[in-house]
Amino acid sequence: MNDTAPDPAPQPAIEVGPILDALRAEVRARRLASASPAEDAIQQEIQRALDEIELHRVVSAHWPLIGHTLPQRAMAVINKLVRRYLRWYINPIVEQQNAYNDTVARTLRLLAESYADLAAQVAQPAPPAPAAPPPPGGGSPAPDAAQLQRLVAQRAAAEPPAPLPDIELRAQLPQLRLRQGVLAHWPLPASSLPQRAVALLNKLVRQYLRWYINPIVEQQNAANAAITQGLASFVRLDAERRGSAAQARAASRRPAP
């Protein structure tokens, strides 16, 4: 008889992403429930703007080419063939821009969540300050380590929890700066002789199309740089307002001398 216990069943892997999304949704619902009418209107307007950005943030390099007459249909077929050939050139540019747009949309969502969290902190009344320990001297015993620990625990319990958007916003700025530049020219590697011939042909085509593609990319890069600079300013403003709110909470809870 074998007395060895059977191996326990493997535990399923925990998906952290859906849990965080559910927590964020619950926090947003609670904030909306406790917001004032003015704050609620602002949050709804921000949410509509975020929905509009989400609707338009993906750039497509391929769209329907429809022709009604016979010449229009023939031209549409030619344009489809040209577009299919230029996929090696246009698609990487569009993918770079979509990566930046996705980072911008995520940063704006985090800013909106951070704004709602900061508004809730400002609207929440500060809890009463805990009693200060008796000063040493004058016949009063000096506070021991246990009293100081209890005072620290009381102060920590009165502090609001660290919000997720505030932590994640700082990590978004390097991503914005990393993805804001869209490249129109990148290496075209080739190992075999036919691949080298195709790469040479593509380089000649790309060199010819510089008059068409480069001004578009330069304009988009200028817009991306301006957007990144603006978002960085908003993130710094959010951090300054959080610092001011923390100072105000600390001053309201400071025990009277």
Protein backbone atom coordinates (compact mmCIF):
# COMPACT_ATOMS: atom_id res chain seq x y z
CA MET A 1 0.00 0.00 0.00
CA ASN A 2 1.39 3.38 -1.00
CA ASP A 3 0.97 6.02 1.74
CA THR A 4 2.40 8.85 -0.34
CA ALA A 5 -0.09 11.69 -0.63
CA PRO A 6 -1.00 12.68 -4.18
CA ASP A 7 0.51 15.86 -5.53
CA PRO A 8 -1.79 18.84 -5.12
CA ALA A 9 -3.51 20.11 -8.22
CA PRO A 10 -1.70 23.01 -9.87
CA GLN A 11 -3.19 26.36 -8.99
CA PRO A 12 -4.42 28.45 -11.92
CA ALA A 13 -2.39 31.54 -12.76
CA ILE A 14 -3.84 34.76 -11.41
CA GLU A 15 -4.56 37.41 -14.04
CA VAL A 16 -3.45 40.69 -12.47
CA GLY A 17 -4.65 42.97 -15.30
CA PRO A 18 -8.40 42.27 -14.97
CA ILE A 19 -8.17 42.63 -11.19
CA LEU A 20 -6.55 46.07 -11.50
CA ASP A 21 -9.13 47.11 -14.12
CA ALA A 22 -11.94 46.03 -11.79
CA LEU A 23 -10.42 47.96 -8.89
CA ARG A 24 -10.04 51.08 -11.01
CA ALA A 25 -13.66 50.78 -12.21
CA GLU A 26 -14.88 50.45 -8.62
CA VAL A 27 -12.84 53.47 -7.53
CA ARG A 28 -14.21 55.54 -10.43
CA ALA A 29 -17.77 54.50 -9.58
CA ARG A 30 -17.33 55.54 -5.95
CA ARG A 31 -15.86 58.89 -6.94
CA LEU A 32 -18.72 59.59 -9.33
CA ALA A 33 -21.24 58.66 -6.63
CA SER A 34 -19.68 61.09 -4.12
CA ALA A 35 -18.90 63.95 -6.54
CA SER A 36 -20.72 67.28 -6.48
CA PRO A 37 -22.90 68.26 -9.49
CA ALA A 38 -20.16 70.56 -10.85
CA GLU A 39 -17.47 67.89 -10.43
CA ASP A 40 -19.78 65.28 -11.94
CA ALA A 41 -20.36 67.48 -15.02
CA ILE A 42 -16.63 68.02 -15.47
CA GLN A 43 -15.90 64.30 -15.12
CA GLN A 44 -18.61 63.44 -17.64
CA GLU A 45 -17.15 65.97 -20.10
CA ILE A 46 -13.67 64.51 -19.60
CA GLN A 47 -15.04 61.00 -20.12
CA ARG A 48 -16.73 62.06 -23.37
CA ALA A 49 -13.46 63.56 -24.57
CA LEU A 50 -11.61 60.35 -23.68
CA ASP A 51 -14.20 58.30 -25.55
CA GLU A 52 -13.74 60.53 -28.59
CA ILE A 53 -9.95 60.12 -28.41
CA GLU A 54 -10.35 56.35 -28.10
CA LEU A 55 -12.55 56.41 -31.19
CA HIS A 56 -9.97 58.24 -33.33
CA ARG A 57 -6.60 57.24 -31.86
CA VAL A 58 -6.01 54.34 -34.32
CA VAL A 59 -4.72 55.52 -37.70
CA SER A 60 -5.47 53.19 -40.61
CA ALA A 61 -3.30 52.96 -43.70
CA HIS A 62 -5.97 51.09 -45.66
CA TRP A 63 -9.51 52.24 -46.35
CA PRO A 64 -12.08 51.32 -49.00
CA LEU A 65 -11.35 52.55 -52.52
CA ILE A 66 -14.71 52.62 -54.29
CA GLY A 67 -15.36 53.40 -57.93
CA HIS A 68 -18.77 53.81 -59.51
CA THR A 69 -17.90 54.17 -63.18
CA LEU A 70 -15.60 51.90 -65.17
CA PRO A 71 -12.67 54.39 -65.23
CA GLN A 72 -13.07 54.96 -61.48
CA ARG A 73 -13.00 51.22 -60.83
CA ALA A 74 -9.88 50.84 -62.97
CA MET A 75 -8.17 53.66 -61.07
CA ALA A 76 -9.22 52.08 -57.75
CA VAL A 77 -7.62 48.79 -58.80
CA ILE A 78 -4.37 50.60 -59.71
CA ASN A 79 -4.39 52.48 -56.41
CA LYS A 80 -4.95 49.25 -54.49
CA LEU A 81 -1.99 47.64 -56.22
CA VAL A 82 0.23 50.67 -55.47
CA ARG A 83 -0.94 50.74 -51.87
CA ARG A 84 -0.32 47.03 -51.45
CA TYR A 85 3.20 47.46 -52.82
CA LEU A 86 3.87 50.43 -50.50
CA ARG A 87 2.80 48.53 -47.37
CA TRP A 88 6.48 47.94 -46.53
CA TYR A 89 6.92 51.73 -46.40
CA ILE A 90 3.64 53.16 -45.09
CA ASN A 91 2.65 50.53 -42.50
CA PRO A 92 5.72 50.97 -40.23
CA ILE A 93 5.13 54.74 -40.14
CA VAL A 94 1.48 54.22 -39.22
CA GLU A 95 2.39 51.64 -36.58
CA GLN A 96 4.85 54.08 -34.95
CA GLN A 97 2.19 56.78 -34.86
CA ASN A 98 -0.39 54.37 -33.44
CA ALA A 99 2.03 53.38 -30.67
CA TYR A 100 2.45 57.04 -29.74
CA ASN A 101 -1.31 57.67 -29.92
CA ASP A 102 -1.90 54.71 -27.62
CA THR A 103 0.59 56.12 -25.08
CA VAL A 104 -1.06 59.54 -25.27
CA ALA A 105 -4.52 58.06 -24.74
CA ARG A 106 -3.30 56.07 -21.73
CA THR A 107 -1.62 59.15 -20.24
CA LEU A 108 -4.82 61.17 -20.64
CA ARG A 109 -6.85 58.41 -18.96
CA LEU A 110 -4.40 58.37 -16.04
CA LEU A 111 -4.58 62.17 -15.82
CA ALA A 112 -8.37 61.99 -15.70
CA GLU A 113 -8.25 59.37 -12.93
CA SER A 114 -5.64 61.42 -11.08
CA TYR A 115 -7.82 64.54 -11.36
CA ALA A 116 -10.82 62.67 -9.95
CA ASP A 117 -8.72 61.26 -7.12
CA LEU A 118 -7.28 64.70 -6.27
CA ALA A 119 -10.73 66.31 -6.35
CA ALA A 120 -12.01 63.65 -3.95
CA GLN A 121 -9.08 64.27 -1.60
CA VAL A 122 -9.63 68.03 -1.59
CA ALA A 123 -13.38 67.64 -0.99
CA GLN A 124 -12.89 65.14 1.83
CA PRO A 125 -12.75 66.86 5.23
CA ALA A 126 -9.55 66.37 7.12
CA PRO A 127 -9.83 64.07 10.14
CA PRO A 128 -9.17 65.53 13.57
CA ALA A 129 -5.54 65.67 14.54
CA PRO A 130 -4.44 63.09 17.11
CA ALA A 131 -3.48 64.33 20.50
CA ALA A 132 0.14 65.37 20.74
CA PRO A 133 2.30 63.50 23.25
CA PRO A 134 3.09 65.42 26.44
CA PRO A 135 6.34 67.37 26.21
CA PRO A 136 9.24 66.21 28.34
CA GLY A 137 9.87 68.07 31.59
CA GLY A 138 7.41 69.77 33.93
CA GLY A 139 6.66 66.57 35.78
CA SER A 140 5.27 64.82 32.68
CA PRO A 141 6.99 61.64 31.58
CA ALA A 142 8.64 61.62 28.14
CA PRO A 143 6.81 59.57 25.45
CA ASP A 144 8.16 56.09 25.08
CA ALA A 145 8.57 54.10 21.87
CA ALA A 146 5.11 52.54 22.12
CA GLN A 147 3.42 55.95 22.33
CA LEU A 148 5.39 57.24 19.36
CA GLN A 149 4.50 54.13 17.38
CA ARG A 150 0.82 54.61 18.15
CA LEU A 151 1.06 58.26 17.06
CA VAL A 152 2.72 57.24 13.77
CA ALA A 153 0.00 54.61 13.19
CA GLN A 154 -2.72 57.23 13.78
CA ARG A 155 -1.13 59.64 11.36
CA ALA A 156 -0.67 56.89 8.74
CA ALA A 157 -4.31 55.80 9.07
CA ALA A 158 -5.43 59.37 8.36
CA GLU A 159 -3.43 59.60 5.13
CA PRO A 160 -5.27 58.74 1.90
CA PRO A 161 -4.05 55.65 0.03
CA ALA A 162 -1.50 56.11 -2.75
CA PRO A 163 -3.52 56.33 -5.99
CA LEU A 164 -2.58 54.15 -8.93
CA PRO A 165 -2.77 56.97 -11.54
CA ASP A 166 -0.36 59.14 -9.58
CA ILE A 167 2.20 56.33 -9.53
CA GLU A 168 1.77 55.35 -13.18
CA LEU A 169 1.82 58.89 -14.57
CA ARG A 170 5.54 59.30 -13.92
CA ALA A 171 6.27 56.14 -15.91
CA GLN A 172 4.31 57.47 -18.92
CA LEU A 173 6.53 60.51 -19.56
CA PRO A 174 9.58 58.48 -20.72
CA GLN A 175 7.28 56.42 -22.95
CA LEU A 176 5.87 59.58 -24.52
CA ARG A 177 9.32 60.96 -25.26
CA LEU A 178 10.47 57.59 -26.59
CA ARG A 179 7.58 57.23 -29.04
CA GLN A 180 6.99 60.84 -30.10
CA GLY A 181 9.48 60.65 -33.00
CA VAL A 182 8.19 58.86 -36.11
CA LEU A 183 10.88 57.65 -38.54
CA ALA A 184 10.32 57.60 -42.28
CA HIS A 185 13.62 55.83 -43.06
CA TRP A 186 14.96 52.70 -41.41
CA PRO A 187 17.38 49.93 -42.47
CA LEU A 188 16.13 47.48 -45.07
CA PRO A 189 18.09 44.30 -44.33
CA ALA A 190 18.59 41.62 -46.97
CA SER A 191 20.60 38.39 -46.96
CA SER A 192 20.03 36.74 -50.35
CA LEU A 193 20.55 38.23 -53.80
CA PRO A 194 16.80 38.57 -54.61
CA GLN A 195 16.22 40.24 -51.24
CA ARG A 196 19.03 42.68 -51.93
CA ALA A 197 17.50 43.52 -55.29
CA VAL A 198 14.12 44.17 -53.69
CA ALA A 199 15.73 46.22 -50.91
CA LEU A 200 17.61 48.32 -53.47
CA LEU A 201 14.38 48.94 -55.41
CA ASN A 202 12.58 49.90 -52.19
CA LYS A 203 15.35 52.31 -51.25
CA LEU A 204 15.08 54.00 -54.65
CA VAL A 205 11.30 54.27 -54.26
CA ARG A 206 11.67 55.62 -50.74
CA GLN A 207 14.26 58.13 -51.91
CA TYR A 208 11.88 59.32 -54.62
CA LEU A 209 8.90 59.58 -52.23
CA ARG A 210 10.78 61.77 -49.75
CA TRP A 211 9.01 64.83 -51.21
CA TYR A 212 5.67 63.21 -50.30
CA ILE A 213 6.26 61.35 -47.05
CA ASN A 214 8.87 63.44 -45.23
CA PRO A 215 6.78 66.64 -44.89
CA ILE A 216 3.90 64.57 -43.50
CA VAL A 217 6.17 62.87 -40.95
CA GLU A 218 7.82 66.16 -39.98
CA GLN A 219 4.43 67.80 -39.35
CA GLN A 220 3.29 64.82 -37.29
CA ASN A 221 6.52 64.83 -35.28
CA ALA A 222 6.07 68.54 -34.51
CA ALA A 223 2.53 67.84 -33.29
CA ASN A 224 3.73 64.86 -31.23
CA ALA A 225 6.45 66.94 -29.58
CA ALA A 226 3.94 69.67 -28.68
CA ILE A 227 1.53 67.09 -27.26
CA THR A 228 4.30 65.51 -25.19
CA GLN A 229 5.37 68.90 -23.83
CA GLY A 230 1.79 69.76 -22.91
CA LEU A 231 1.19 66.44 -21.19
CA ALA A 232 4.45 66.80 -19.25
CA SER A 233 3.29 70.22 -18.02
CA PHE A 234 -0.04 68.75 -16.91
CA VAL A 235 1.73 65.95 -15.06
CA ARG A 236 3.96 68.47 -13.25
CA LEU A 237 0.92 70.58 -12.38
CA ASP A 238 -0.82 67.49 -11.00
CA ALA A 239 2.22 66.72 -8.82
CA GLU A 240 2.35 70.32 -7.52
CA ARG A 241 -1.35 70.32 -6.65
CA ARG A 242 -0.96 67.01 -4.87
CA GLY A 243 1.89 68.49 -2.85
CA SER A 244 -0.23 71.53 -1.96
CA ALA A 245 -3.13 69.28 -0.94
CA ALA A 246 -0.81 67.18 1.22
CA GLN A 247 0.57 70.31 2.92
CA ALA A 248 -2.96 71.56 3.57
CA ARG A 249 -3.95 68.22 5.13
CA ALA A 250 -0.82 68.21 7.27
CA ALA A 251 -1.48 71.78 8.46
CA SER A 252 -5.11 71.00 9.34
CA ARG A 253 -4.07 67.96 11.37
CA ARG A 254 -1.17 69.64 13.14
CA PRO A 255 -1.92 69.68 16.89
CA ALA A 256 -2.13 73.07 18.53
CA PRO A 257 0.86 73.95 20.73
